[in-house]
Amino acid sequence: MASTVTRSRNRHENAMTTSQVSQGADRAQQTLALLPVLRRWLTARVHRAGADTGLSLRQYAALNGIREGASSPGELARLWQVTPAVITGIIDRLERRELVRREPDPDDRRRLRLALTDAGLAASTFVERALTEELAAPLSQASPRELAELGRALDLLQQTFAALEEQTPRPIEMSVGDDLPAWDDDCGCEDDTPRTDEPNARQSQRPSRKRDTTALTSSD
């Protein structure tokens, strides 16, 4: 009798485990399906808000990262899971626009840390407010119970992504032209990649081609 009860309990537990795995897979697929939708909306909305501030999606991401405590390109690189070289051009552009400044680190005067200027803080806050208000509008139509359930679901997602992030190896080195995870500029905003003066570049290339031809001729 005892063995029968044990087998029955084991079958029940196995059935529950299988059901939980299946439900977990369903929720995972549902979450992944939301990511492209969220990304498209975020890109388009930052583009519209950025039309007033002149910010691209990457620039807003950098300003927001600094506002939340990142004080160096290295910290932003770790936040975005890219190498510091990817961040340098973006920070330089923001600094030239006087949205970001470098100031002495109070804990180590030999180092400089990143900080937002008043204009940078205002631009970052403006875009964040635009995103929050637009997202809050449809959510406000939900019932208090639905919003509470959503809050619990989002808490679970945050815990899940935090655990996944800890398990994720550091990325391979990326160039400035590579996509930034979740912060790709799909809009028509100003590119953060340094531009080259094409006519000057072509002129500077001509002598080198001539030298190469001369070298080939002399070697023959």
Protein backbone atom coordinates (compact mmCIF):
# COMPACT_ATOMS: atom_id res chain seq x y z
CA MET A 1 0.00 0.00 0.00
CA ALA A 2 2.78 2.40 0.95
CA SER A 3 4.62 1.79 -2.33
CA THR A 4 1.42 2.45 -4.29
CA VAL A 5 0.91 5.75 -2.51
CA THR A 6 4.55 6.71 -3.16
CA ARG A 7 4.27 5.92 -6.88
CA SER A 8 1.06 7.91 -7.10
CA ARG A 9 2.67 10.88 -5.37
CA ASN A 10 5.71 10.70 -7.69
CA ARG A 11 3.49 10.64 -10.78
CA HIS A 12 1.59 13.66 -9.46
CA GLU A 13 4.81 15.57 -8.77
CA ASN A 14 6.22 14.68 -12.18
CA ALA A 15 3.01 15.87 -13.81
CA MET A 16 3.21 19.16 -11.90
CA THR A 17 6.86 19.63 -12.91
CA THR A 18 6.06 18.98 -16.57
CA SER A 19 3.18 21.44 -16.42
CA GLN A 20 5.35 24.10 -14.78
CA VAL A 21 8.07 23.67 -17.40
CA SER A 22 5.48 23.96 -20.16
CA GLN A 23 3.97 27.10 -18.63
CA GLY A 24 7.44 28.56 -18.13
CA ALA A 25 8.24 27.98 -21.80
CA ASP A 26 4.97 29.62 -22.84
CA ARG A 27 5.70 32.70 -20.72
CA ALA A 28 9.27 32.83 -22.05
CA GLN A 29 8.01 32.86 -25.64
CA GLN A 30 5.44 35.50 -24.73
CA THR A 31 8.17 37.67 -23.19
CA LEU A 32 10.49 37.29 -26.17
CA ALA A 33 7.66 38.23 -28.53
CA LEU A 34 7.22 41.51 -26.65
CA LEU A 35 10.86 42.58 -26.99
CA PRO A 36 10.78 43.57 -30.71
CA VAL A 37 7.51 45.45 -30.15
CA LEU A 38 8.95 47.34 -27.18
CA ARG A 39 12.12 48.10 -29.08
CA ARG A 40 10.27 49.50 -32.11
CA TRP A 41 8.07 51.69 -29.91
CA LEU A 42 11.01 52.87 -27.83
CA THR A 43 13.07 53.75 -30.91
CA ALA A 44 10.22 55.66 -32.55
CA ARG A 45 9.19 57.48 -29.36
CA VAL A 46 12.72 58.57 -28.47
CA HIS A 47 13.10 59.77 -32.06
CA ARG A 48 10.00 61.96 -31.72
CA ALA A 49 11.04 63.27 -28.31
CA GLY A 50 14.60 63.65 -29.55
CA ALA A 51 13.41 65.92 -32.34
CA ASP A 52 13.03 68.62 -29.67
CA THR A 53 16.25 67.80 -27.83
CA GLY A 54 18.43 66.64 -30.73
CA LEU A 55 19.08 63.32 -28.99
CA SER A 56 19.51 59.98 -30.66
CA LEU A 57 18.56 56.77 -28.92
CA ARG A 58 22.17 55.98 -28.08
CA GLN A 59 22.74 59.46 -26.67
CA TYR A 60 19.64 59.23 -24.50
CA ALA A 61 20.80 55.84 -23.23
CA ALA A 62 24.17 57.31 -22.29
CA LEU A 63 22.62 60.32 -20.54
CA ASN A 64 20.25 58.04 -18.65
CA GLY A 65 23.09 55.74 -17.63
CA ILE A 66 25.11 58.65 -16.26
CA ARG A 67 22.05 60.02 -14.48
CA GLU A 68 21.60 56.65 -12.79
CA GLY A 69 25.16 56.63 -11.50
CA ALA A 70 27.57 55.50 -14.23
CA SER A 71 30.58 57.80 -13.86
CA SER A 72 32.95 56.53 -16.55
CA PRO A 73 32.87 55.09 -20.08
CA GLY A 74 33.94 51.79 -18.53
CA GLU A 75 30.87 51.69 -16.30
CA LEU A 76 28.61 52.47 -19.26
CA ALA A 77 30.35 49.73 -21.23
CA ARG A 78 29.63 47.23 -18.46
CA LEU A 79 26.03 48.44 -18.30
CA TRP A 80 25.58 47.91 -22.05
CA GLN A 81 27.80 44.81 -22.15
CA VAL A 82 30.15 46.29 -24.76
CA THR A 83 33.76 47.49 -24.74
CA PRO A 84 34.64 51.08 -23.71
CA ALA A 85 35.70 51.90 -27.28
CA VAL A 86 32.06 51.67 -28.34
CA ILE A 87 31.09 54.33 -25.80
CA THR A 88 33.86 56.85 -26.46
CA GLY A 89 32.38 58.46 -29.60
CA ILE A 90 28.98 58.86 -27.98
CA ILE A 91 30.42 60.54 -24.87
CA ASP A 92 32.64 62.81 -26.97
CA ARG A 93 29.63 63.98 -28.99
CA LEU A 94 27.59 64.65 -25.84
CA GLU A 95 30.52 66.54 -24.33
CA ARG A 96 30.86 68.74 -27.44
CA ARG A 97 27.16 69.54 -27.17
CA GLU A 98 27.70 70.47 -23.51
CA LEU A 99 25.28 67.81 -22.27
CA VAL A 100 28.02 65.91 -20.42
CA ARG A 101 31.12 67.19 -18.65
CA ARG A 102 34.14 65.59 -17.02
CA GLU A 103 34.83 66.72 -13.47
CA PRO A 104 37.30 65.70 -10.75
CA ASP A 105 36.28 62.63 -8.80
CA PRO A 106 35.84 63.69 -5.15
CA ASP A 107 37.18 60.30 -4.05
CA ASP A 108 40.25 60.45 -6.30
CA ARG A 109 41.33 63.85 -7.64
CA ARG A 110 43.62 62.17 -10.17
CA ARG A 111 40.57 60.81 -11.98
CA LEU A 112 37.78 62.51 -13.91
CA ARG A 113 34.21 61.29 -13.74
CA LEU A 114 31.28 61.84 -16.09
CA ALA A 115 28.46 64.12 -14.99
CA LEU A 116 25.43 65.64 -16.66
CA THR A 117 25.28 69.35 -17.24
CA ASP A 118 22.02 71.16 -16.50
CA ALA A 119 21.18 70.92 -20.20
CA GLY A 120 21.97 67.20 -20.24
CA LEU A 121 19.81 66.54 -17.21
CA ALA A 122 16.94 68.52 -18.73
CA ALA A 123 17.19 66.63 -22.05
CA SER A 124 17.32 63.24 -20.36
CA THR A 125 14.41 64.07 -18.07
CA PHE A 126 12.33 65.40 -20.96
CA VAL A 127 12.69 62.19 -22.98
CA GLU A 128 12.04 59.99 -19.94
CA ARG A 129 8.89 61.94 -19.12
CA ALA A 130 7.64 61.58 -22.70
CA LEU A 131 8.21 57.81 -22.61
CA THR A 132 6.57 57.41 -19.19
CA GLU A 133 3.49 59.45 -20.04
CA GLU A 134 2.83 57.63 -23.30
CA LEU A 135 3.25 54.19 -21.73
CA ALA A 136 1.19 55.15 -18.68
CA ALA A 137 -1.80 56.27 -20.77
CA PRO A 138 -2.98 52.79 -21.88
CA LEU A 139 -1.91 51.19 -18.60
CA SER A 140 -4.14 53.58 -16.68
CA GLN A 141 -7.14 51.91 -18.33
CA ALA A 142 -6.39 48.65 -16.52
CA SER A 143 -8.01 47.76 -13.21
CA PRO A 144 -6.12 48.01 -9.90
CA ARG A 145 -6.05 44.22 -9.76
CA GLU A 146 -4.56 43.96 -13.26
CA LEU A 147 -1.94 46.57 -12.42
CA ALA A 148 -1.02 44.71 -9.24
CA GLU A 149 -0.63 41.47 -11.22
CA LEU A 150 1.48 43.32 -13.78
CA GLY A 151 3.69 44.67 -11.00
CA ARG A 152 4.29 41.17 -9.64
CA ALA A 153 5.02 39.88 -13.15
CA LEU A 154 7.51 42.67 -13.78
CA ASP A 155 9.23 41.94 -10.47
CA LEU A 156 9.61 38.32 -11.57
CA LEU A 157 10.97 39.42 -14.95
CA GLN A 158 13.52 41.68 -13.27
CA GLN A 159 14.71 38.81 -11.08
CA THR A 160 14.85 36.50 -14.10
CA PHE A 161 16.86 38.90 -16.24
CA ALA A 162 19.20 39.67 -13.34
CA ALA A 163 19.91 35.94 -12.94
CA LEU A 164 20.43 35.54 -16.70
CA GLU A 165 22.79 38.52 -16.77
CA GLU A 166 24.97 36.93 -14.10
CA GLN A 167 25.23 33.79 -16.22
CA THR A 168 26.04 35.69 -19.42
CA PRO A 169 29.75 35.76 -20.38
CA ARG A 170 31.40 39.07 -21.20
CA PRO A 171 30.96 40.04 -24.87
CA ILE A 172 33.64 39.86 -27.50
CA GLU A 173 35.14 43.18 -28.56
CA MET A 174 32.79 45.27 -30.68
CA SER A 175 33.50 48.24 -32.93
CA VAL A 176 31.71 51.58 -32.82
CA GLY A 177 29.70 50.59 -35.87
CA ASP A 178 28.26 47.51 -34.20
CA ASP A 179 24.77 47.54 -32.77
CA LEU A 180 24.47 48.43 -29.12
CA PRO A 181 22.35 45.85 -27.33
CA ALA A 182 18.81 47.20 -26.98
CA TRP A 183 19.99 50.69 -27.95
CA ASP A 184 20.40 50.39 -31.69
CA ASP A 185 19.62 53.58 -33.58
CA ASP A 186 17.07 52.43 -36.14
CA CYS A 187 15.68 55.97 -36.46
CA GLY A 188 16.97 58.71 -38.71
CA CYS A 189 18.71 60.50 -35.86
CA GLU A 190 22.22 61.81 -36.10
CA ASP A 191 24.71 58.97 -36.12
CA ASP A 192 27.17 58.73 -33.26
CA THR A 193 29.92 57.26 -35.40
CA PRO A 194 32.62 59.86 -36.17
CA ARG A 195 32.35 61.09 -39.75
CA THR A 196 35.23 61.62 -42.16
CA ASP A 197 35.50 64.49 -44.63
CA GLU A 198 35.24 62.44 -47.82
CA PRO A 199 36.94 64.88 -50.25
CA ASN A 200 39.89 65.34 -47.89
CA ALA A 201 40.00 61.61 -47.29
CA ARG A 202 40.23 60.94 -51.04
CA GLN A 203 43.00 63.53 -51.43
CA SER A 204 44.94 62.02 -48.57
CA GLN A 205 44.66 58.61 -50.15
CA ARG A 206 46.02 59.64 -53.57
CA PRO A 207 49.68 60.11 -52.57
CA SER A 208 49.70 56.75 -50.84
CA ARG A 209 48.48 55.04 -54.01
CA LYS A 210 51.16 56.85 -55.99
CA ARG A 211 53.85 55.74 -53.56
CA ASP A 212 52.61 52.18 -53.78
CA THR A 213 52.85 52.27 -57.61
CA THR A 214 56.36 53.71 -57.49
CA ALA A 215 57.41 51.03 -55.03
CA LEU A 216 56.07 48.33 -57.30
CA THR A 217 57.84 49.81 -60.32
CA SER A 218 61.17 50.09 -58.56
CA SER A 219 60.94 46.57 -57.24
CA ASP A 220 60.46 45.25 -60.76
